[in-house]
Amino acid sequence: MMRNPDHSIRPILATMAGIALFSAMDAVMKSASIAVGAYSAYLLRCAIGFLVIAPIWWLRGGRMPGKAVLRVHIIRGVVVAFMGWTFFASLVRLPLAEAIAISFVAPLIALYLAALLLGERVERRAVFAALLGLTGVVVIIGGRIGREKLTEDATVGLLLIGLSALLYAWNLVLQRQQALVSRPAEVTTFQNGVVTLVLLGGAPFLLVWPEGRAWLEIGAGALLAVGAALFLAWAYARAETQRLVPIEYTGFLWASLFGWLYFGEGVSAATIMGAVLIVMGCWVATRKKRPEQSSL
């Protein structure tokens, strides 16, 4: 299912839509994780997501993929299982926007993993864009650390988000590999299915059954995650990793909005300055080349 690259703005818009949905999902999942724990909220979200998307995939002619494709599905599912678990565990301990910001080291790492694993040529402007966005993240984190003393709980949160970011970088590259050989519905079905199977091993010891509002939040999180995964799978099948990963930085803008709306988290001057740098990085990475540049 290898496709010719789509140089239009469509993959960019699809990526932005996917990131917006994932950011909304992060907000409701943070609340659910506080209520029942990150493990339970994430396991149930993925299980519900699988029950939503699997019938759609099957009714549209879905069938079991070959060994090579199945291997990619399984590897990414395992990576995403621990990536998501550590990420939501960090959200319990850190403000939403700051956690998202720290995770933005992942796109920078992913640029070089894409070159190593996919053979993509890393363009200078892609590196510059990633560094510009990362500078914005440093400004934001620096502003946060300058205002507050880190507690033991916050330190654990920082370690968890660091581990999640490393796994997320690998996930971004696997996402490109997966999207090239599978349709969005298949990608989303196997991602939710594999993650659920991986996490089920800890259910007898860690699962906490939610009640009331937590169920609604986990259900909403599942629907938002399925929608986001479909958008991103579609986009990554049509554009190179290095062109799309800087769009991940827009997630901070959405996280700031949802953190304010859902948790009353304020936005500092450092946050605003960092966000401006992030947006500039996205613009540098996604603007079209002039015709004479295409042959370079």
Protein backbone atom coordinates (compact mmCIF):
# COMPACT_ATOMS: atom_id res chain seq x y z
CA MET A 1 0.00 0.00 0.00
CA MET A 2 2.89 2.35 -0.64
CA ARG A 3 1.53 5.71 -1.80
CA ASN A 4 3.15 8.65 -3.56
CA PRO A 5 3.72 11.54 -1.12
CA ASP A 6 0.89 14.06 -0.96
CA HIS A 7 2.47 17.52 -1.09
CA SER A 8 -0.83 19.32 -0.52
CA ILE A 9 -1.96 20.76 2.80
CA ARG A 10 -4.40 17.88 3.42
CA PRO A 11 -2.04 15.66 5.47
CA ILE A 12 -1.11 18.68 7.56
CA LEU A 13 -4.75 19.54 8.28
CA ALA A 14 -5.51 15.90 9.10
CA THR A 15 -2.56 15.82 11.51
CA MET A 16 -3.73 19.03 13.19
CA ALA A 17 -7.23 17.56 13.59
CA GLY A 18 -5.79 14.36 15.06
CA ILE A 19 -3.63 16.26 17.54
CA ALA A 20 -6.59 18.42 18.60
CA LEU A 21 -8.69 15.33 19.29
CA PHE A 22 -5.84 13.67 21.19
CA SER A 23 -5.42 16.80 23.33
CA ALA A 24 -9.12 16.78 24.22
CA MET A 25 -8.74 13.08 25.03
CA ASP A 26 -5.78 13.87 27.32
CA ALA A 27 -7.96 16.26 29.32
CA VAL A 28 -10.78 13.79 29.99
CA MET A 29 -8.29 10.97 30.60
CA LYS A 30 -6.38 13.05 33.15
CA SER A 31 -9.60 13.43 35.12
CA ALA A 32 -10.40 9.72 34.79
CA SER A 33 -6.84 8.78 35.79
CA ILE A 34 -7.12 10.87 38.94
CA ALA A 35 -10.34 9.02 39.77
CA VAL A 36 -9.35 5.38 39.11
CA GLY A 37 -5.62 5.44 38.30
CA ALA A 38 -3.76 5.72 35.00
CA TYR A 39 -3.65 1.95 34.42
CA SER A 40 -7.40 1.37 34.77
CA ALA A 41 -8.39 4.45 32.78
CA TYR A 42 -6.03 3.58 29.91
CA LEU A 43 -6.88 -0.13 29.78
CA LEU A 44 -10.63 0.53 29.68
CA ARG A 45 -10.24 3.35 27.15
CA CYS A 46 -8.38 1.05 24.75
CA ALA A 47 -10.84 -1.80 25.29
CA ILE A 48 -13.79 0.48 24.50
CA GLY A 49 -11.91 1.90 21.53
CA PHE A 50 -11.39 -1.61 20.17
CA LEU A 51 -15.08 -2.44 20.56
CA VAL A 52 -15.97 0.74 18.65
CA ILE A 53 -13.57 0.45 15.70
CA ALA A 54 -13.21 -3.34 15.22
CA PRO A 55 -16.75 -3.90 13.84
CA ILE A 56 -16.29 -0.99 11.42
CA TRP A 57 -13.00 -2.44 10.20
CA TRP A 58 -14.53 -5.94 9.84
CA LEU A 59 -17.68 -4.78 8.01
CA ARG A 60 -15.57 -2.82 5.54
CA GLY A 61 -13.80 -5.98 4.45
CA GLY A 62 -11.15 -6.22 7.12
CA ARG A 63 -9.10 -9.40 7.30
CA MET A 64 -6.13 -10.68 9.25
CA PRO A 65 -2.94 -9.13 7.81
CA GLY A 66 0.14 -11.06 6.75
CA LYS A 67 3.01 -11.83 9.11
CA ALA A 68 5.12 -8.79 8.17
CA VAL A 69 2.27 -6.32 8.67
CA LEU A 70 1.07 -8.09 11.82
CA ARG A 71 4.58 -7.76 13.25
CA VAL A 72 4.46 -3.96 12.80
CA HIS A 73 1.01 -3.86 14.45
CA ILE A 74 2.25 -5.86 17.44
CA ILE A 75 5.47 -3.88 17.92
CA ARG A 76 3.65 -0.56 17.82
CA GLY A 77 0.90 -1.86 20.11
CA VAL A 78 3.45 -2.90 22.75
CA VAL A 79 5.27 0.44 22.51
CA VAL A 80 2.00 2.39 22.73
CA ALA A 81 0.85 0.34 25.74
CA PHE A 82 3.74 1.50 27.91
CA MET A 83 3.92 4.93 26.29
CA GLY A 84 0.29 5.64 27.16
CA TRP A 85 0.45 4.18 30.65
CA THR A 86 3.48 6.29 31.65
CA PHE A 87 1.99 9.36 29.98
CA PHE A 88 -1.33 9.24 31.84
CA ALA A 89 0.49 8.45 35.08
CA SER A 90 2.49 11.65 34.55
CA LEU A 91 -0.70 13.66 33.93
CA VAL A 92 -1.89 12.78 37.43
CA ARG A 93 1.22 14.53 38.79
CA LEU A 94 1.77 17.39 36.32
CA PRO A 95 -0.36 20.17 34.75
CA LEU A 96 -1.67 19.14 31.35
CA ALA A 97 0.10 21.81 29.29
CA GLU A 98 3.47 21.27 30.97
CA ALA A 99 3.30 17.49 30.49
CA ILE A 100 2.50 17.94 26.81
CA ALA A 101 5.34 20.45 26.47
CA ILE A 102 7.94 18.11 27.95
CA SER A 103 6.79 15.31 25.67
CA PHE A 104 7.76 17.44 22.66
CA VAL A 105 11.31 16.14 22.79
CA ALA A 106 9.78 13.15 20.98
CA PRO A 107 9.39 14.74 17.51
CA LEU A 108 13.03 15.83 17.59
CA ILE A 109 14.17 12.29 18.40
CA ALA A 110 11.74 10.92 15.80
CA LEU A 111 13.38 12.91 13.00
CA TYR A 112 16.59 10.95 13.47
CA LEU A 113 14.84 7.64 14.09
CA ALA A 114 13.03 8.16 10.78
CA ALA A 115 16.36 8.59 9.04
CA LEU A 116 17.75 5.49 10.76
CA LEU A 117 14.75 3.16 10.43
CA LEU A 118 12.90 4.46 7.36
CA GLY A 119 15.77 5.82 5.30
CA GLU A 120 14.22 9.28 5.15
CA ARG A 121 16.50 12.20 4.32
CA VAL A 122 16.36 14.75 7.12
CA GLU A 123 16.18 18.20 5.56
CA ARG A 124 17.86 21.17 7.18
CA ARG A 125 14.64 23.08 7.61
CA ALA A 126 13.02 20.10 9.36
CA VAL A 127 15.85 20.02 11.90
CA PHE A 128 15.67 23.80 12.33
CA ALA A 129 11.89 23.62 12.82
CA ALA A 130 12.22 20.89 15.46
CA LEU A 131 14.91 22.86 17.30
CA LEU A 132 12.80 25.99 17.18
CA GLY A 133 9.85 24.14 18.65
CA LEU A 134 12.06 22.53 21.28
CA THR A 135 13.38 25.98 22.24
CA GLY A 136 9.79 27.02 22.84
CA VAL A 137 9.32 24.03 25.12
CA VAL A 138 12.49 24.93 27.08
CA VAL A 139 11.17 28.47 27.58
CA ILE A 140 7.89 27.08 28.93
CA ILE A 141 9.52 24.58 31.30
CA GLY A 142 12.05 27.17 32.46
CA GLY A 143 9.23 29.51 33.36
CA ARG A 144 7.50 26.77 35.34
CA ILE A 145 10.63 25.71 37.26
CA GLY A 146 11.52 29.33 37.99
CA ARG A 147 8.17 29.89 39.73
CA GLU A 148 7.71 26.67 41.70
CA LYS A 149 9.76 24.23 43.78
CA LEU A 150 9.58 20.70 42.43
CA THR A 151 7.94 18.23 44.82
CA GLU A 152 8.76 14.52 44.96
CA ASP A 153 5.49 13.77 43.16
CA ALA A 154 6.34 16.25 40.40
CA THR A 155 9.80 14.71 40.02
CA VAL A 156 8.22 11.28 39.50
CA GLY A 157 5.91 12.88 36.96
CA LEU A 158 8.87 14.35 35.08
CA LEU A 159 10.61 10.97 34.97
CA LEU A 160 7.45 9.29 33.70
CA ILE A 161 6.86 11.88 30.97
CA GLY A 162 10.52 11.56 29.94
CA LEU A 163 10.16 7.80 29.50
CA SER A 164 6.86 8.29 27.67
CA ALA A 165 8.50 10.81 25.32
CA LEU A 166 11.22 8.32 24.35
CA LEU A 167 8.58 5.70 23.57
CA TYR A 168 6.51 8.30 21.73
CA ALA A 169 9.41 9.08 19.41
CA TRP A 170 9.62 5.41 18.44
CA ASN A 171 5.84 5.36 18.10
CA LEU A 172 5.92 8.22 15.58
CA VAL A 173 8.25 6.27 13.31
CA LEU A 174 6.25 3.05 13.72
CA GLN A 175 3.13 5.05 12.91
CA ARG A 176 4.61 5.94 9.52
CA GLN A 177 5.62 2.31 8.86
CA GLN A 178 2.18 1.08 9.88
CA ALA A 179 0.31 3.68 7.81
CA LEU A 180 2.20 2.69 4.67
CA VAL A 181 0.95 -0.90 4.81
CA SER A 182 -2.50 -0.62 6.43
CA ARG A 183 -5.65 1.43 6.15
CA PRO A 184 -6.62 3.75 9.03
CA ALA A 185 -9.39 1.47 10.37
CA GLU A 186 -6.99 -1.49 10.52
CA VAL A 187 -4.29 0.59 12.20
CA THR A 188 -6.70 1.83 14.85
CA THR A 189 -8.23 -1.62 15.42
CA PHE A 190 -4.92 -3.37 15.99
CA GLN A 191 -3.48 -0.56 18.08
CA ASN A 192 -6.37 -0.66 20.54
CA GLY A 193 -6.52 -4.45 20.45
CA VAL A 194 -2.82 -5.07 21.08
CA VAL A 195 -2.63 -2.43 23.83
CA THR A 196 -5.63 -4.01 25.57
CA LEU A 197 -4.08 -7.48 25.43
CA VAL A 198 -0.72 -6.20 26.73
CA LEU A 199 -2.27 -4.34 29.66
CA LEU A 200 -4.71 -7.12 30.60
CA GLY A 201 -1.86 -9.00 32.26
CA GLY A 202 -1.91 -6.56 35.15
CA ALA A 203 -5.69 -6.45 35.56
CA PRO A 204 -5.93 -8.90 38.52
CA PHE A 205 -3.59 -6.66 40.53
CA LEU A 206 -4.17 -3.11 39.25
CA LEU A 207 -7.66 -2.76 37.78
CA VAL A 208 -10.01 -0.39 39.61
CA TRP A 209 -13.60 -0.41 38.33
CA PRO A 210 -14.80 3.15 37.62
CA GLU A 211 -18.13 4.67 38.61
CA GLY A 212 -20.37 7.45 37.32
CA ARG A 213 -18.49 10.34 35.73
CA ALA A 214 -15.27 8.33 35.30
CA TRP A 215 -17.12 5.94 32.95
CA LEU A 216 -18.33 8.87 30.84
CA GLU A 217 -14.82 10.33 30.67
CA ILE A 218 -13.24 7.01 29.70
CA GLY A 219 -15.91 6.47 27.03
CA ALA A 220 -15.38 9.97 25.66
CA GLY A 221 -11.64 9.38 25.73
CA ALA A 222 -12.07 6.20 23.69
CA LEU A 223 -14.14 7.94 21.00
CA LEU A 224 -11.73 10.89 20.82
CA ALA A 225 -8.73 8.54 20.59
CA VAL A 226 -10.31 6.50 17.78
CA GLY A 227 -11.07 9.65 15.80
CA ALA A 228 -7.57 11.01 16.34
CA ALA A 229 -5.92 7.73 15.33
CA LEU A 230 -7.94 7.60 12.10
CA PHE A 231 -6.88 11.14 11.16
CA LEU A 232 -3.22 10.47 11.94
CA ALA A 233 -3.09 7.12 10.16
CA TRP A 234 -4.56 8.77 7.05
CA ALA A 235 -2.04 11.63 7.21
CA TYR A 236 1.06 9.48 7.88
CA ALA A 237 0.21 7.29 4.90
CA ARG A 238 0.49 10.35 2.64
CA ALA A 239 3.36 12.44 4.00
CA GLU A 240 6.83 11.82 5.41
CA THR A 241 7.40 11.68 9.15
CA GLN A 242 9.71 14.72 9.16
CA ARG A 243 7.01 16.84 7.49
CA LEU A 244 4.32 15.94 10.02
CA VAL A 245 6.06 15.54 13.39
CA PRO A 246 6.55 19.30 13.92
CA ILE A 247 2.74 19.59 13.82
CA GLU A 248 2.82 17.67 17.11
CA TYR A 249 3.87 20.97 18.70
CA THR A 250 0.37 22.40 18.15
CA GLY A 251 -0.75 19.94 20.81
CA PHE A 252 0.59 22.35 23.41
CA LEU A 253 -1.78 25.08 22.26
CA TRP A 254 -4.72 22.69 22.55
CA ALA A 255 -3.47 21.41 25.91
CA SER A 256 -3.30 24.97 27.24
CA LEU A 257 -6.89 25.56 26.14
CA PHE A 258 -8.29 22.30 27.52
CA GLY A 259 -6.24 22.59 30.71
CA TRP A 260 -7.77 26.01 31.31
CA LEU A 261 -11.32 24.95 30.44
CA TYR A 262 -11.29 21.60 32.26
CA PHE A 263 -8.97 22.17 35.25
CA GLY A 264 -8.67 25.95 35.53
CA GLU A 265 -4.92 25.82 34.79
CA GLY A 266 -3.53 29.27 33.99
CA VAL A 267 -1.22 30.23 31.13
CA SER A 268 1.93 32.20 31.99
CA ALA A 269 3.91 34.70 29.92
CA ALA A 270 6.60 32.05 29.42
CA THR A 271 3.94 29.70 28.10
CA ILE A 272 2.79 32.30 25.58
CA MET A 273 6.36 33.00 24.42
CA GLY A 274 7.07 29.32 24.07
CA ALA A 275 3.86 28.78 22.14
CA VAL A 276 4.88 31.48 19.64
CA LEU A 277 8.18 29.66 19.01
CA ILE A 278 6.30 26.38 18.59
CA VAL A 279 3.96 27.84 15.98
CA MET A 280 6.93 29.36 14.13
CA GLY A 281 8.58 25.94 14.06
CA CYS A 282 5.46 24.38 12.57
CA TRP A 283 5.31 27.08 9.89
CA VAL A 284 8.96 26.55 8.91
CA ALA A 285 8.47 22.80 8.59
CA THR A 286 5.25 22.85 6.59
CA ARG A 287 5.62 25.77 4.18
CA LYS A 288 5.96 24.71 0.57
CA LYS A 289 9.30 24.64 -1.19
CA ARG A 290 9.91 26.89 -4.14
CA PRO A 291 10.10 24.97 -7.46
CA GLU A 292 13.86 25.43 -7.67
CA GLN A 293 14.28 23.83 -4.24
CA SER A 294 12.64 20.55 -5.20
CA SER A 295 15.65 19.31 -7.11
CA LEU A 296 18.14 20.01 -4.33
